C-alpha atoms as a PDB file:
ATOM      1  CA  MET A   1      59.768 101.845  35.187  1.00  0.00           C
ATOM      2  CA  ILE A   2      59.505 105.492  34.132  1.00  0.00           C
ATOM      3  CA  ASN A   3      62.420 106.386  36.401  1.00  0.00           C
ATOM      4  CA  LYS A   4      64.603 103.771  34.706  1.00  0.00           C
ATOM      5  CA  MET A   5      63.739 105.185  31.275  1.00  0.00           C
ATOM      6  CA  LYS A   6      64.629 108.695  32.445  1.00  0.00           C
ATOM      7  CA  ALA A   7      67.925 107.394  33.832  1.00  0.00           C
ATOM      8  CA  LEU A   8      68.853 105.999  30.422  1.00  0.00           C
ATOM      9  CA  PHE A   9      68.609 109.442  28.841  1.00  0.00           C
ATOM     10  CA  THR A  10      70.229 111.414  31.647  1.00  0.00           C
ATOM     11  CA  GLU A  11      73.074 109.039  32.474  1.00  0.00           C
ATOM     12  CA  GLU A  12      76.424 110.455  31.363  1.00  0.00           C
ATOM     13  CA  GLN A  13      78.686 107.517  32.161  1.00  0.00           C
ATOM     14  CA  GLY A  14      80.556 106.423  29.026  1.00  0.00           C
ATOM     15  CA  GLN A  15      79.717 109.600  27.156  1.00  0.00           C
ATOM     16  CA  GLY A  16      83.377 110.563  26.703  1.00  0.00           C
ATOM     17  CA  MET A  17      84.311 107.279  25.068  1.00  0.00           C
ATOM     18  CA  THR A  18      81.370 107.572  22.697  1.00  0.00           C
ATOM     19  CA  GLU A  19      82.496 111.031  21.659  1.00  0.00           C
ATOM     20  CA  TYR A  20      86.049 109.805  21.080  1.00  0.00           C
ATOM     21  CA  GLY A  21      84.676 106.961  18.981  1.00  0.00           C
ATOM     22  CA  LEU A  22      82.636 109.352  16.870  1.00  0.00           C
ATOM     23  CA  VAL A  23      85.617 111.654  16.326  1.00  0.00           C
ATOM     24  CA  LEU A  24      87.769 108.682  15.365  1.00  0.00           C
ATOM     25  CA  GLY A  25      85.102 107.534  12.921  1.00  0.00           C
ATOM     26  CA  VAL A  26      84.934 110.958  11.277  1.00  0.00           C
ATOM     27  CA  ILE A  27      88.720 111.066  10.954  1.00  0.00           C
ATOM     28  CA  ALA A  28      88.758 107.584   9.402  1.00  0.00           C
ATOM     29  CA  VAL A  29      86.069 108.519   6.866  1.00  0.00           C
ATOM     30  CA  ALA A  30      87.954 111.712   5.990  1.00  0.00           C
ATOM     31  CA  ALA A  31      91.213 109.794   5.508  1.00  0.00           C
ATOM     32  CA  VAL A  32      89.537 107.270   3.210  1.00  0.00           C
ATOM     33  CA  ALA A  33      87.919 110.097   1.223  1.00  0.00           C
ATOM     34  CA  VAL A  34      91.262 111.878   0.797  1.00  0.00           C
ATOM     35  CA  LEU A  35      92.967 108.673  -0.316  1.00  0.00           C
ATOM     36  CA  PHE A  36      90.133 107.987  -2.749  1.00  0.00           C
ATOM     37  CA  LEU A  37      90.259 111.484  -4.229  1.00  0.00           C
ATOM     38  CA  LEU A  38      94.059 111.806  -4.364  1.00  0.00           C
ATOM     39  CA  GLY A  39      94.905 108.157  -4.992  1.00  0.00           C
ATOM     40  CA  ASP A  40      96.099 108.598  -8.569  1.00  0.00           C
ATOM     41  CA  GLU A  41      98.317 111.563  -7.716  1.00  0.00           C
ATOM     42  CA  ILE A  42      99.816 109.751  -4.742  1.00  0.00           C
ATOM     43  CA  GLN A  43     100.507 106.655  -6.848  1.00  0.00           C
ATOM     44  CA  THR A  44     102.162 108.785  -9.548  1.00  0.00           C
ATOM     45  CA  MET A  45     104.335 110.501  -6.951  1.00  0.00           C
ATOM     46  CA  PHE A  46     105.469 107.189  -5.445  1.00  0.00           C
ATOM     47  CA  ASN A  47     106.197 105.769  -8.901  1.00  0.00           C
ATOM     48  CA  GLU A  48     108.360 108.802  -9.726  1.00  0.00           C
ATOM     49  CA  VAL A  49     110.256 108.428  -6.448  1.00  0.00           C
ATOM     50  CA  LEU A  50     110.733 104.712  -7.073  1.00  0.00           C
ATOM     51  CA  ALA A  51     112.007 105.311 -10.602  1.00  0.00           C
ATOM     52  CA  ASN A  52     114.395 107.982  -9.320  1.00  0.00           C
ATOM     53  CA  VAL A  53     115.742 105.716  -6.588  1.00  0.00           C
ATOM     54  CA  GLN A  54     116.138 102.803  -9.002  1.00  0.00           C
ATOM     55  CA  SER A  55     117.930 104.947 -11.585  1.00  0.00           C
ATOM     56  CA  ARG A  56     120.341 106.304  -8.987  1.00  0.00           C
ATOM     57  CA  ALA A  57     120.908 102.853  -7.524  1.00  0.00           C
ATOM     58  CA  GLY A  58     121.559 101.483 -10.999  1.00  0.00           C
ATOM     59  CA  ALA A  59     123.995 104.308 -11.746  1.00  0.00           C
ATOM     60  CA  THR A  60     126.057 103.594  -8.637  1.00  0.00           C
ATOM     61  CA  THR A  61     126.183  99.820  -9.112  1.00  0.00           C
ATOM     62  CA  THR A  62     127.201  99.900 -12.795  1.00  0.00           C
ATOM     63  CA  THR A  63     130.411 101.817 -12.176  1.00  0.00           C
ATOM     64  CA  THR A  64     133.507  99.668 -11.974  1.00  0.00           C
ATOM     65  CA  PRO A  65     136.285 100.424  -9.484  1.00  0.00           C
END
């Protein structure tokens, strides 16, 4: 029984996948934090781009040949 308990702590099989999972989790938390902190600025930037595209599209479609 003691040998089986020792084997649980010394076994390294699957360790790599666990580390990849932890790294992926940290990256996901960081991405969510960045989106949370910069969300308003990103939304403003996309709204400006959208308005610019719509104004240019409207300018090209209102001209008559």
